[in-house]
Structures are given as C-alpha cells and as structure tokens.
C-alpha atoms as a PDB file:
ATOM      1  CA  UNK A   1      86.093 112.099  96.408  1.00  0.00           C
ATOM      2  CA  UNK A   2      85.590 110.608  99.855  1.00  0.00           C
ATOM      3  CA  UNK A   3      86.773 112.581 102.782  1.00  0.00           C
ATOM      4  CA  UNK A   4      89.243 110.766 105.049  1.00  0.00           C
ATOM      5  CA  UNK A   5      86.918 111.121 108.034  1.00  0.00           C
ATOM      6  CA  UNK A   6      84.255 109.082 106.090  1.00  0.00           C
ATOM      7  CA  UNK A   7      86.618 106.132 105.395  1.00  0.00           C
ATOM      8  CA  UNK A   8      86.648 102.995 107.398  1.00  0.00           C
ATOM      9  CA  UNK A   9      89.887 101.847 108.911  1.00  0.00           C
ATOM     10  CA  UNK A  10      90.101  99.078 106.228  1.00  0.00           C
ATOM     11  CA  UNK A  11      89.358 101.500 103.390  1.00  0.00           C
ATOM     12  CA  UNK A  12      92.010 103.972 104.622  1.00  0.00           C
ATOM     13  CA  UNK A  13      94.518 101.098 104.944  1.00  0.00           C
ATOM     14  CA  UNK A  14      93.802  99.964 101.364  1.00  0.00           C
ATOM     15  CA  UNK A  15      94.278 103.468  99.992  1.00  0.00           C
ATOM     16  CA  UNK A  16      97.611 103.778 101.808  1.00  0.00           C
ATOM     17  CA  UNK A  17      98.789 100.429 100.452  1.00  0.00           C
ATOM     18  CA  UNK A  18      97.835 101.471  96.932  1.00  0.00           C
ATOM     19  CA  UNK A  19      99.648 104.808  97.374  1.00  0.00           C
ATOM     20  CA  UNK A  20     102.789 102.987  98.553  1.00  0.00           C
ATOM     21  CA  UNK A  21     102.623 100.630  95.589  1.00  0.00           C
ATOM     22  CA  UNK A  22     102.890 103.518  93.166  1.00  0.00           C
ATOM     23  CA  UNK A  23     101.137 104.277  89.902  1.00  0.00           C
ATOM     24  CA  UNK A  24      99.668 101.545  87.698  1.00  0.00           C
ATOM     25  CA  UNK A  25      97.313  98.683  88.043  1.00  0.00           C
ATOM     26  CA  UNK A  26      97.720  96.120  90.883  1.00  0.00           C
ATOM     27  CA  UNK A  27      96.259  92.642  91.201  1.00  0.00           C
ATOM     28  CA  UNK A  28      94.466  91.447  94.338  1.00  0.00           C
ATOM     29  CA  UNK A  29      97.406  89.155  94.979  1.00  0.00           C
ATOM     30  CA  UNK A  30      99.933  92.036  94.819  1.00  0.00           C
ATOM     31  CA  UNK A  31      97.743  94.135  97.151  1.00  0.00           C
ATOM     32  CA  UNK A  32      97.506  91.311  99.579  1.00  0.00           C
ATOM     33  CA  UNK A  33     101.271  90.815  99.581  1.00  0.00           C
ATOM     34  CA  UNK A  34     101.794  94.480 100.212  1.00  0.00           C
ATOM     35  CA  UNK A  35      99.472  94.206 103.182  1.00  0.00           C
ATOM     36  CA  UNK A  36     101.399  91.234 104.547  1.00  0.00           C
ATOM     37  CA  UNK A  37      98.617  88.738 103.697  1.00  0.00           C
ATOM     38  CA  UNK A  38      98.513  85.616 101.542  1.00  0.00           C
ATOM     39  CA  UNK A  39      95.275  86.810  99.909  1.00  0.00           C
ATOM     40  CA  UNK A  40      92.536  89.407 100.334  1.00  0.00           C
ATOM     41  CA  UNK A  41      89.630  88.298 102.351  1.00  0.00           C
ATOM     42  CA  UNK A  42      85.939  89.065 101.217  1.00  0.00           C
ATOM     43  CA  UNK A  43      85.876  92.105 103.470  1.00  0.00           C
ATOM     44  CA  UNK A  44      88.970  93.565 101.804  1.00  0.00           C
ATOM     45  CA  UNK A  45      87.491  92.924  98.395  1.00  0.00           C
ATOM     46  CA  UNK A  46      84.210  94.560  99.418  1.00  0.00           C
ATOM     47  CA  UNK A  47      86.063  97.595 100.718  1.00  0.00           C
ATOM     48  CA  UNK A  48      87.941  97.908  97.393  1.00  0.00           C
ATOM     49  CA  UNK A  49      84.670  97.656  95.503  1.00  0.00           C
ATOM     50  CA  UNK A  50      83.004 100.320  97.745  1.00  0.00           C
ATOM     51  CA  UNK A  51      85.930 102.652  97.141  1.00  0.00           C
ATOM     52  CA  UNK A  52      85.620 102.060  93.376  1.00  0.00           C
ATOM     53  CA  UNK A  53      81.999 103.097  93.608  1.00  0.00           C
ATOM     54  CA  UNK A  54      83.110 106.481  94.938  1.00  0.00           C
ATOM     55  CA  UNK A  55      85.778 106.915  92.183  1.00  0.00           C
ATOM     56  CA  UNK A  56      88.543 106.804  94.793  1.00  0.00           C
ATOM     57  CA  UNK A  57      89.851 103.596  93.201  1.00  0.00           C
ATOM     58  CA  UNK A  58      89.368 102.245  89.690  1.00  0.00           C
ATOM     59  CA  UNK A  59      88.732  98.592  89.044  1.00  0.00           C
ATOM     60  CA  UNK A  60      89.115  96.615  85.835  1.00  0.00           C
ATOM     61  CA  UNK A  61      88.555  92.987  84.928  1.00  0.00           C
ATOM     62  CA  UNK A  62      91.397  91.236  83.149  1.00  0.00           C
ATOM     63  CA  UNK A  63      90.388  88.165  81.112  1.00  0.00           C
ATOM     64  CA  UNK A  64      93.125  85.563  80.947  1.00  0.00           C
ATOM     65  CA  UNK A  65      93.279  82.133  79.406  1.00  0.00           C
ATOM     66  CA  UNK A  66      89.903  81.191  80.842  1.00  0.00           C
ATOM     67  CA  UNK A  67      87.236  83.590  79.569  1.00  0.00           C
ATOM     68  CA  UNK A  68      84.837  82.569  82.352  1.00  0.00           C
ATOM     69  CA  UNK A  69      87.329  83.620  84.963  1.00  0.00           C
ATOM     70  CA  UNK A  70      88.207  87.357  85.381  1.00  0.00           C
ATOM     71  CA  UNK A  71      90.998  88.681  87.562  1.00  0.00           C
ATOM     72  CA  UNK A  72      90.537  92.169  88.985  1.00  0.00           C
ATOM     73  CA  UNK A  73      93.152  94.897  89.170  1.00  0.00           C
ATOM     74  CA  UNK A  74      92.908  98.179  91.094  1.00  0.00           C
ATOM     75  CA  UNK A  75      94.588 101.591  91.007  1.00  0.00           C
ATOM     76  CA  UNK A  76      94.096 104.983  92.524  1.00  0.00           C
ATOM     77  CA  UNK A  77      92.256 107.317  90.176  1.00  0.00           C
ATOM     78  CA  UNK A  78      94.761 109.569  88.363  1.00  0.00           C
ATOM     79  CA  UNK A  79      93.267 112.731  89.849  1.00  0.00           C
ATOM     80  CA  UNK A  80      95.735 114.867  91.728  1.00  0.00           C
ATOM     81  CA  UNK A  81      93.532 115.139  94.799  1.00  0.00           C
ATOM     82  CA  UNK A  82      93.282 111.383  95.220  1.00  0.00           C
ATOM     83  CA  UNK A  83      96.941 110.608  94.819  1.00  0.00           C
ATOM     84  CA  UNK A  84      98.595 113.346  96.847  1.00  0.00           C
ATOM     85  CA  UNK A  85      99.071 112.571 100.458  1.00  0.00           C
ATOM     86  CA  UNK A  86      97.192 114.814 102.960  1.00  0.00           C
END
C-alpha cells in the first residue's frame, strides 16, 4: 500500500473521489463526473494506472459491443487498510 505522503496531489484526489463514490466498479466517465469534469484527461488516467500498479486501485477492462474497444473501470482494493479513511 502506498503511504499518503508518497502520493501526488492528483493521486490523493482520485483516491478520495473513489472513496466518496462507495464500493463497486466505476467507469472513467463516472469518476470524471464526481470530480466535476466532463472527462478524465490523460494525466488523470495515468495517475489511476500508476495507483493500480501499487494495488491501491484495481482496474478492469469491460468489452462492450465493439470487441476492439475496451472501457476501463476502477475501484479501491477491498482491503480494509485501503478503504478506511486515515
């Protein structure tokens, strides 16, 4: 688990948004809406992907009607230490 002091401002904001959204998987569009944005920018997506590399956030690809186009969803890992607020 990443320590809060090691997180960038963007990463910490993304974790807080996911905490406020509750349990379950959330699309990039839903995360952007919760942040007050129309869509996530490439830096937001990179921050989510970096966090998923540290097991802070899980990512999954959802294949819809077009097999060549995957949509990604994110959630906080279901470990107690990651979900509980400090």
